[in-house]
Amino acid sequence: MPLNAIRALLQFCTVLPLGRPADFDAFARHSWLYPVAGWVTGGCAAGVAFLLSGNPGLAAAAAIAAAIIVSGANHFDGLLDLGDGLMAHGSREKRVTALTDRQIGAGGVACGILTTLLAVQGLSTVASIPLAVLTAEVCAKLAMAGITALGTPFHEGIHAYLHGFARPWFAGLALLPVVPLVLLTGPVPLLKALLATGIVAALLVALAYRLFGGVNGDVAGASNEIVRAAAIIALAI
């Protein structure tokens, strides 16, 4: 497995101190490795949840907070931008402007709060909070890998750059780092989480095509937050 690509991936997806910057192109050529980052962010969140296992509500909130903090709120920022784009009125151009500008409006705040609330509440009801948040984080990065490989960009940016290196079959190859989860969760919970991942990612891409004319880095980042919540809810049901 390309260690340089994994180091570049973790430097992109986390704020962990990993030494000098790795060659980002090493990750761009192996974006199917996205779920590996989910094992790291999810592992950190699971560790926090385990330490607070005596209080499910606090453990769930702290686990989601840990996942967001370890990622540097990078993907959470995409969720806020997507919320603004979704709530904007008018033409496609106005929606794209709301999606891509640097200011956060009411739509972004609402989207961030609602998604986080659903994730925390769902996580507080599962049988094992550490396993659920780990599974959800890995599935969230699987969604990002699929969207990177298959989501047509509508303008230049980080998504367009990664998409240029990706191949359609990366979406299937990204399942390889996910498969070991079955040893921890069992087949049925993992299949539930994967089903939620596929449905939500497909709906998000379809919505992005309709409203914005394609996908950008904000949509890909938002998929991490939304799919995390969806996978948790699937595990809670």
C-alpha atoms as a PDB file:
ATOM      1  CA  MET A   1       0.000   0.000   0.000  1.00  0.00           C
ATOM      2  CA  PRO A   2       1.452   3.424  -0.980  1.00  0.00           C
ATOM      3  CA  LEU A   3       2.539   4.913   2.339  1.00  0.00           C
ATOM      4  CA  ASN A   4       3.273   8.316   0.808  1.00  0.00           C
ATOM      5  CA  ALA A   5      -0.288   8.449  -0.519  1.00  0.00           C
ATOM      6  CA  ILE A   6      -1.687   7.586   2.919  1.00  0.00           C
ATOM      7  CA  ARG A   7       0.424  10.256   4.597  1.00  0.00           C
ATOM      8  CA  ALA A   8      -0.761  12.839   2.062  1.00  0.00           C
ATOM      9  CA  LEU A   9      -4.344  11.660   2.586  1.00  0.00           C
ATOM     10  CA  LEU A  10      -4.102  12.058   6.365  1.00  0.00           C
ATOM     11  CA  GLN A  11      -2.502  15.478   6.022  1.00  0.00           C
ATOM     12  CA  PHE A  12      -5.443  16.487   3.826  1.00  0.00           C
ATOM     13  CA  CYS A  13      -8.192  14.947   5.989  1.00  0.00           C
ATOM     14  CA  THR A  14      -6.841  15.516   9.510  1.00  0.00           C
ATOM     15  CA  VAL A  15      -4.915  17.993  11.621  1.00  0.00           C
ATOM     16  CA  LEU A  16      -2.639  15.303  13.039  1.00  0.00           C
ATOM     17  CA  PRO A  17       1.064  16.285  13.153  1.00  0.00           C
ATOM     18  CA  LEU A  18       2.617  14.057  10.494  1.00  0.00           C
ATOM     19  CA  GLY A  19       5.859  15.828   9.699  1.00  0.00           C
ATOM     20  CA  ARG A  20       6.806  17.555   6.478  1.00  0.00           C
ATOM     21  CA  PRO A  21       4.116  17.810   3.784  1.00  0.00           C
ATOM     22  CA  ALA A  22       3.802  14.731   1.595  1.00  0.00           C
ATOM     23  CA  ASP A  23       3.364  14.902  -2.168  1.00  0.00           C
ATOM     24  CA  PHE A  24      -0.361  15.592  -2.600  1.00  0.00           C
ATOM     25  CA  ASP A  25      -0.308  14.030  -6.054  1.00  0.00           C
ATOM     26  CA  ALA A  26       0.532  10.706  -4.392  1.00  0.00           C
ATOM     27  CA  PHE A  27      -2.895  10.793  -2.758  1.00  0.00           C
ATOM     28  CA  ALA A  28      -4.605  12.224  -5.844  1.00  0.00           C
ATOM     29  CA  ARG A  29      -3.499   9.159  -7.800  1.00  0.00           C
ATOM     30  CA  HIS A  30      -4.906   6.890  -5.067  1.00  0.00           C
ATOM     31  CA  SER A  31      -8.056   8.685  -3.891  1.00  0.00           C
ATOM     32  CA  TRP A  32      -9.722   5.293  -3.401  1.00  0.00           C
ATOM     33  CA  LEU A  33      -7.769   5.244  -0.126  1.00  0.00           C
ATOM     34  CA  TYR A  34     -10.163   7.798   1.415  1.00  0.00           C
ATOM     35  CA  PRO A  35     -11.704   5.211   3.824  1.00  0.00           C
ATOM     36  CA  VAL A  36      -8.281   4.740   5.437  1.00  0.00           C
ATOM     37  CA  ALA A  37      -8.676   8.274   6.805  1.00  0.00           C
ATOM     38  CA  GLY A  38     -12.037   7.173   8.203  1.00  0.00           C
ATOM     39  CA  TRP A  39     -10.289   4.503  10.255  1.00  0.00           C
ATOM     40  CA  VAL A  40      -8.088   7.232  11.770  1.00  0.00           C
ATOM     41  CA  THR A  41     -10.743   9.887  12.451  1.00  0.00           C
ATOM     42  CA  GLY A  42     -13.231   7.220  13.480  1.00  0.00           C
ATOM     43  CA  GLY A  43     -10.670   5.555  15.704  1.00  0.00           C
ATOM     44  CA  CYS A  44     -10.002   8.831  17.514  1.00  0.00           C
ATOM     45  CA  ALA A  45     -13.740   9.434  17.930  1.00  0.00           C
ATOM     46  CA  ALA A  46     -14.279   5.850  19.099  1.00  0.00           C
ATOM     47  CA  GLY A  47     -11.532   6.255  21.703  1.00  0.00           C
ATOM     48  CA  VAL A  48     -13.217   9.363  23.100  1.00  0.00           C
ATOM     49  CA  ALA A  49     -16.578   7.575  23.164  1.00  0.00           C
ATOM     50  CA  PHE A  50     -15.038   4.609  24.993  1.00  0.00           C
ATOM     51  CA  LEU A  51     -13.598   6.853  27.691  1.00  0.00           C
ATOM     52  CA  LEU A  52     -17.049   8.381  28.251  1.00  0.00           C
ATOM     53  CA  SER A  53     -19.012   5.161  27.860  1.00  0.00           C
ATOM     54  CA  GLY A  54     -20.765   5.627  31.201  1.00  0.00           C
ATOM     55  CA  ASN A  55     -22.822   8.492  29.771  1.00  0.00           C
ATOM     56  CA  PRO A  56     -24.258   7.702  26.293  1.00  0.00           C
ATOM     57  CA  GLY A  57     -25.433  11.256  25.563  1.00  0.00           C
ATOM     58  CA  LEU A  58     -22.093  12.806  26.451  1.00  0.00           C
ATOM     59  CA  ALA A  59     -20.162  10.031  24.702  1.00  0.00           C
ATOM     60  CA  ALA A  60     -22.141  10.559  21.485  1.00  0.00           C
ATOM     61  CA  ALA A  61     -21.687  14.338  21.501  1.00  0.00           C
ATOM     62  CA  ALA A  62     -17.982  14.077  22.325  1.00  0.00           C
ATOM     63  CA  ALA A  63     -17.405  11.436  19.643  1.00  0.00           C
ATOM     64  CA  ILE A  64     -18.948  13.601  16.910  1.00  0.00           C
ATOM     65  CA  ALA A  65     -17.031  16.609  18.206  1.00  0.00           C
ATOM     66  CA  ALA A  66     -13.801  14.606  18.115  1.00  0.00           C
ATOM     67  CA  ALA A  67     -14.428  13.490  14.524  1.00  0.00           C
ATOM     68  CA  ILE A  68     -15.003  17.096  13.435  1.00  0.00           C
ATOM     69  CA  ILE A  69     -12.018  18.459  15.371  1.00  0.00           C
ATOM     70  CA  VAL A  70      -9.550  15.794  14.192  1.00  0.00           C
ATOM     71  CA  SER A  71     -10.578  16.556  10.611  1.00  0.00           C
ATOM     72  CA  GLY A  72      -9.956  20.262  11.192  1.00  0.00           C
ATOM     73  CA  ALA A  73     -13.655  20.920  10.425  1.00  0.00           C
ATOM     74  CA  ASN A  74     -12.576  20.778   6.781  1.00  0.00           C
ATOM     75  CA  HIS A  75     -15.533  18.697   5.620  1.00  0.00           C
ATOM     76  CA  PHE A  76     -17.890  20.477   8.026  1.00  0.00           C
ATOM     77  CA  ASP A  77     -17.057  23.699   6.187  1.00  0.00           C
ATOM     78  CA  GLY A  78     -18.269  22.034   2.986  1.00  0.00           C
ATOM     79  CA  LEU A  79     -21.540  21.156   4.705  1.00  0.00           C
ATOM     80  CA  LEU A  80     -22.097  24.801   5.670  1.00  0.00           C
ATOM     81  CA  ASP A  81     -21.367  25.958   2.134  1.00  0.00           C
ATOM     82  CA  LEU A  82     -23.728  23.348   0.714  1.00  0.00           C
ATOM     83  CA  GLY A  83     -26.455  24.537   3.071  1.00  0.00           C
ATOM     84  CA  ASP A  84     -26.116  28.059   1.703  1.00  0.00           C
ATOM     85  CA  GLY A  85     -26.264  26.763  -1.860  1.00  0.00           C
ATOM     86  CA  LEU A  86     -29.354  24.672  -1.142  1.00  0.00           C
ATOM     87  CA  MET A  87     -31.218  27.547   0.498  1.00  0.00           C
ATOM     88  CA  ALA A  88     -30.346  30.195  -2.090  1.00  0.00           C
ATOM     89  CA  HIS A  89     -33.177  31.403  -4.306  1.00  0.00           C
ATOM     90  CA  GLY A  90     -33.029  32.209  -7.983  1.00  0.00           C
ATOM     91  CA  SER A  91     -30.925  30.968 -10.875  1.00  0.00           C
ATOM     92  CA  ARG A  92     -28.254  28.275 -10.899  1.00  0.00           C
ATOM     93  CA  GLU A  93     -25.642  31.029 -10.999  1.00  0.00           C
ATOM     94  CA  LYS A  94     -26.964  32.484  -7.722  1.00  0.00           C
ATOM     95  CA  ARG A  95     -26.922  29.057  -6.102  1.00  0.00           C
ATOM     96  CA  VAL A  96     -23.343  28.440  -7.238  1.00  0.00           C
ATOM     97  CA  THR A  97     -22.335  31.844  -5.896  1.00  0.00           C
ATOM     98  CA  ALA A  98     -23.895  31.041  -2.513  1.00  0.00           C
ATOM     99  CA  LEU A  99     -22.180  27.641  -2.520  1.00  0.00           C
ATOM    100  CA  THR A 100     -18.723  28.952  -3.329  1.00  0.00           C
ATOM    101  CA  ASP A 101     -18.475  32.278  -1.490  1.00  0.00           C
ATOM    102  CA  ARG A 102     -16.599  32.525   1.807  1.00  0.00           C
ATOM    103  CA  GLN A 103     -19.469  33.799   3.950  1.00  0.00           C
ATOM    104  CA  ILE A 104     -21.807  31.502   5.866  1.00  0.00           C
ATOM    105  CA  GLY A 105     -25.509  32.324   5.893  1.00  0.00           C
ATOM    106  CA  ALA A 106     -28.578  31.022   7.670  1.00  0.00           C
ATOM    107  CA  GLY A 107     -28.863  28.052   5.301  1.00  0.00           C
ATOM    108  CA  GLY A 108     -25.382  26.884   6.159  1.00  0.00           C
ATOM    109  CA  VAL A 109     -25.886  27.299   9.887  1.00  0.00           C
ATOM    110  CA  ALA A 110     -29.186  25.391   9.757  1.00  0.00           C
ATOM    111  CA  CYS A 111     -27.689  22.571   7.704  1.00  0.00           C
ATOM    112  CA  GLY A 112     -24.723  22.244  10.066  1.00  0.00           C
ATOM    113  CA  ILE A 113     -26.865  22.229  13.212  1.00  0.00           C
ATOM    114  CA  LEU A 114     -29.488  19.800  11.911  1.00  0.00           C
ATOM    115  CA  THR A 115     -26.974  17.308  10.521  1.00  0.00           C
ATOM    116  CA  THR A 116     -24.943  17.343  13.731  1.00  0.00           C
ATOM    117  CA  LEU A 117     -28.029  16.985  15.917  1.00  0.00           C
ATOM    118  CA  LEU A 118     -29.191  13.953  13.947  1.00  0.00           C
ATOM    119  CA  ALA A 119     -25.745  12.363  14.191  1.00  0.00           C
ATOM    120  CA  VAL A 120     -25.456  12.935  17.942  1.00  0.00           C
ATOM    121  CA  GLN A 121     -28.983  11.811  18.752  1.00  0.00           C
ATOM    122  CA  GLY A 122     -28.697   8.711  16.577  1.00  0.00           C
ATOM    123  CA  LEU A 123     -25.311   7.827  18.038  1.00  0.00           C
ATOM    124  CA  SER A 124     -26.620   8.086  21.592  1.00  0.00           C
ATOM    125  CA  THR A 125     -29.124   5.258  20.891  1.00  0.00           C
ATOM    126  CA  VAL A 126     -26.896   2.617  19.271  1.00  0.00           C
ATOM    127  CA  ALA A 127     -25.707  -0.518  21.055  1.00  0.00           C
ATOM    128  CA  SER A 128     -22.019   0.415  20.771  1.00  0.00           C
ATOM    129  CA  ILE A 129     -21.136   4.080  20.291  1.00  0.00           C
ATOM    130  CA  PRO A 130     -17.432   3.426  19.555  1.00  0.00           C
ATOM    131  CA  LEU A 131     -18.197   0.851  16.843  1.00  0.00           C
ATOM    132  CA  ALA A 132     -20.977   2.957  15.347  1.00  0.00           C
ATOM    133  CA  VAL A 133     -18.906   6.134  15.047  1.00  0.00           C
ATOM    134  CA  LEU A 134     -15.974   4.180  13.586  1.00  0.00           C
ATOM    135  CA  THR A 135     -18.255   2.542  11.014  1.00  0.00           C
ATOM    136  CA  ALA A 136     -19.896   5.857  10.158  1.00  0.00           C
ATOM    137  CA  GLU A 137     -16.562   7.610   9.657  1.00  0.00           C
ATOM    138  CA  VAL A 138     -15.254   4.893   7.341  1.00  0.00           C
ATOM    139  CA  CYS A 139     -18.507   4.955   5.358  1.00  0.00           C
ATOM    140  CA  ALA A 140     -18.366   8.758   5.168  1.00  0.00           C
ATOM    141  CA  LYS A 141     -14.941   8.579   3.547  1.00  0.00           C
ATOM    142  CA  LEU A 142     -16.203   5.842   1.216  1.00  0.00           C
ATOM    143  CA  ALA A 143     -18.818   8.323  -0.009  1.00  0.00           C
ATOM    144  CA  MET A 144     -16.101  10.896  -0.631  1.00  0.00           C
ATOM    145  CA  ALA A 145     -14.093   8.366  -2.634  1.00  0.00           C
ATOM    146  CA  GLY A 146     -17.120   7.504  -4.763  1.00  0.00           C
ATOM    147  CA  ILE A 147     -18.057  11.128  -5.385  1.00  0.00           C
ATOM    148  CA  THR A 148     -14.443  11.989  -6.221  1.00  0.00           C
ATOM    149  CA  ALA A 149     -14.336   9.208  -8.806  1.00  0.00           C
ATOM    150  CA  LEU A 150     -17.787   9.652 -10.339  1.00  0.00           C
ATOM    151  CA  GLY A 151     -18.904  13.236  -9.654  1.00  0.00           C
ATOM    152  CA  THR A 152     -18.402  15.501 -12.667  1.00  0.00           C
ATOM    153  CA  PRO A 153     -16.937  18.855 -11.525  1.00  0.00           C
ATOM    154  CA  PHE A 154     -18.666  22.078 -12.540  1.00  0.00           C
ATOM    155  CA  HIS A 155     -15.622  24.328 -12.056  1.00  0.00           C
ATOM    156  CA  GLU A 156     -11.932  24.224 -11.251  1.00  0.00           C
ATOM    157  CA  GLY A 157     -10.915  23.450  -7.686  1.00  0.00           C
ATOM    158  CA  ILE A 158      -9.736  20.676  -5.394  1.00  0.00           C
ATOM    159  CA  HIS A 159     -12.500  18.294  -6.481  1.00  0.00           C
ATOM    160  CA  ALA A 160     -11.756  18.856 -10.162  1.00  0.00           C
ATOM    161  CA  TYR A 161      -8.069  18.229  -9.482  1.00  0.00           C
ATOM    162  CA  LEU A 162      -8.694  14.958  -7.643  1.00  0.00           C
ATOM    163  CA  HIS A 163     -11.327  13.879 -10.167  1.00  0.00           C
ATOM    164  CA  GLY A 164      -8.783  14.361 -12.948  1.00  0.00           C
ATOM    165  CA  PHE A 165      -6.544  11.689 -11.407  1.00  0.00           C
ATOM    166  CA  ALA A 166      -9.377   9.353 -10.385  1.00  0.00           C
ATOM    167  CA  ARG A 167     -10.869   6.528 -12.439  1.00  0.00           C
ATOM    168  CA  PRO A 168     -14.479   5.291 -12.281  1.00  0.00           C
ATOM    169  CA  TRP A 169     -13.374   1.963 -10.825  1.00  0.00           C
ATOM    170  CA  PHE A 170     -11.881   3.786  -7.822  1.00  0.00           C
ATOM    171  CA  ALA A 171     -15.443   3.835  -6.423  1.00  0.00           C
ATOM    172  CA  GLY A 172     -15.393   0.027  -6.210  1.00  0.00           C
ATOM    173  CA  LEU A 173     -11.770  -0.208  -5.142  1.00  0.00           C
ATOM    174  CA  ALA A 174     -12.557   2.071  -2.180  1.00  0.00           C
ATOM    175  CA  LEU A 175     -14.547  -0.796  -0.661  1.00  0.00           C
ATOM    176  CA  LEU A 176     -11.307  -2.660   0.104  1.00  0.00           C
ATOM    177  CA  PRO A 177     -10.407  -0.556   3.188  1.00  0.00           C
ATOM    178  CA  VAL A 178     -14.040  -0.865   4.329  1.00  0.00           C
ATOM    179  CA  VAL A 179     -14.314  -4.668   4.283  1.00  0.00           C
ATOM    180  CA  PRO A 180     -12.353  -5.255   7.541  1.00  0.00           C
ATOM    181  CA  LEU A 181     -15.175  -3.521   9.411  1.00  0.00           C
ATOM    182  CA  VAL A 182     -17.223  -6.695   9.049  1.00  0.00           C
ATOM    183  CA  LEU A 183     -14.925  -8.351  11.616  1.00  0.00           C
ATOM    184  CA  LEU A 184     -15.955  -5.722  14.176  1.00  0.00           C
ATOM    185  CA  THR A 185     -19.603  -5.053  13.364  1.00  0.00           C
ATOM    186  CA  GLY A 186     -20.825  -8.239  11.688  1.00  0.00           C
ATOM    187  CA  PRO A 187     -22.323  -8.349   8.173  1.00  0.00           C
ATOM    188  CA  VAL A 188     -25.832  -7.008   8.831  1.00  0.00           C
ATOM    189  CA  PRO A 189     -24.903  -3.708  10.546  1.00  0.00           C
ATOM    190  CA  LEU A 190     -22.212  -3.035   7.939  1.00  0.00           C
ATOM    191  CA  LEU A 191     -24.626  -3.717   5.084  1.00  0.00           C
ATOM    192  CA  LYS A 192     -27.140  -1.313   6.662  1.00  0.00           C
ATOM    193  CA  ALA A 193     -24.495   1.400   6.892  1.00  0.00           C
ATOM    194  CA  LEU A 194     -23.294   0.770   3.338  1.00  0.00           C
ATOM    195  CA  LEU A 195     -26.845   0.910   1.992  1.00  0.00           C
ATOM    196  CA  ALA A 196     -27.406   4.261   3.693  1.00  0.00           C
ATOM    197  CA  THR A 197     -24.058   5.460   2.314  1.00  0.00           C
ATOM    198  CA  GLY A 198     -24.920   4.554  -1.267  1.00  0.00           C
ATOM    199  CA  ILE A 199     -28.425   6.020  -1.165  1.00  0.00           C
ATOM    200  CA  VAL A 200     -27.427   9.312   0.439  1.00  0.00           C
ATOM    201  CA  ALA A 201     -24.342   9.789  -1.760  1.00  0.00           C
ATOM    202  CA  ALA A 202     -26.366   9.116  -4.926  1.00  0.00           C
ATOM    203  CA  LEU A 203     -29.130  11.526  -3.858  1.00  0.00           C
ATOM    204  CA  LEU A 204     -26.590  14.199  -2.959  1.00  0.00           C
ATOM    205  CA  VAL A 205     -24.845  13.939  -6.334  1.00  0.00           C
ATOM    206  CA  ALA A 206     -28.186  14.011  -8.178  1.00  0.00           C
ATOM    207  CA  LEU A 207     -29.191  17.119  -6.230  1.00  0.00           C
ATOM    208  CA  ALA A 208     -25.833  18.779  -6.944  1.00  0.00           C
ATOM    209  CA  TYR A 209     -26.193  18.108 -10.663  1.00  0.00           C
ATOM    210  CA  ARG A 210     -29.702  19.586 -10.665  1.00  0.00           C
ATOM    211  CA  LEU A 211     -28.928  22.688  -8.609  1.00  0.00           C
ATOM    212  CA  PHE A 212     -25.294  23.448  -9.453  1.00  0.00           C
ATOM    213  CA  GLY A 213     -24.594  21.594 -12.674  1.00  0.00           C
ATOM    214  CA  GLY A 214     -22.087  19.230 -11.088  1.00  0.00           C
ATOM    215  CA  VAL A 215     -19.960  18.571  -8.017  1.00  0.00           C
ATOM    216  CA  ASN A 216     -17.275  20.582  -6.263  1.00  0.00           C
ATOM    217  CA  GLY A 217     -15.166  20.165  -3.147  1.00  0.00           C
ATOM    218  CA  ASP A 218     -17.920  21.563  -0.941  1.00  0.00           C
ATOM    219  CA  VAL A 219     -20.365  18.894  -2.111  1.00  0.00           C
ATOM    220  CA  ALA A 220     -17.764  16.169  -1.606  1.00  0.00           C
ATOM    221  CA  GLY A 221     -16.909  17.485   1.855  1.00  0.00           C
ATOM    222  CA  ALA A 222     -20.569  17.811   2.811  1.00  0.00           C
ATOM    223  CA  SER A 223     -21.091  14.178   1.839  1.00  0.00           C
ATOM    224  CA  ASN A 224     -18.731  13.207   4.667  1.00  0.00           C
ATOM    225  CA  GLU A 225     -20.908  14.921   7.288  1.00  0.00           C
ATOM    226  CA  ILE A 226     -24.266  13.876   5.828  1.00  0.00           C
ATOM    227  CA  VAL A 227     -23.298  10.262   5.207  1.00  0.00           C
ATOM    228  CA  ARG A 228     -21.825   9.993   8.714  1.00  0.00           C
ATOM    229  CA  ALA A 229     -25.203  11.002  10.129  1.00  0.00           C
ATOM    230  CA  ALA A 230     -27.089   8.720   7.730  1.00  0.00           C
ATOM    231  CA  ALA A 231     -24.921   5.695   8.554  1.00  0.00           C
ATOM    232  CA  ILE A 232     -25.393   6.314  12.272  1.00  0.00           C
ATOM    233  CA  ILE A 233     -29.152   6.554  11.847  1.00  0.00           C
ATOM    234  CA  ALA A 234     -29.143   3.328   9.829  1.00  0.00           C
ATOM    235  CA  LEU A 235     -27.275   1.606  12.656  1.00  0.00           C
ATOM    236  CA  ALA A 236     -29.649   3.056  15.239  1.00  0.00           C
ATOM    237  CA  ILE A 237     -32.819   1.830  13.512  1.00  0.00           C
END
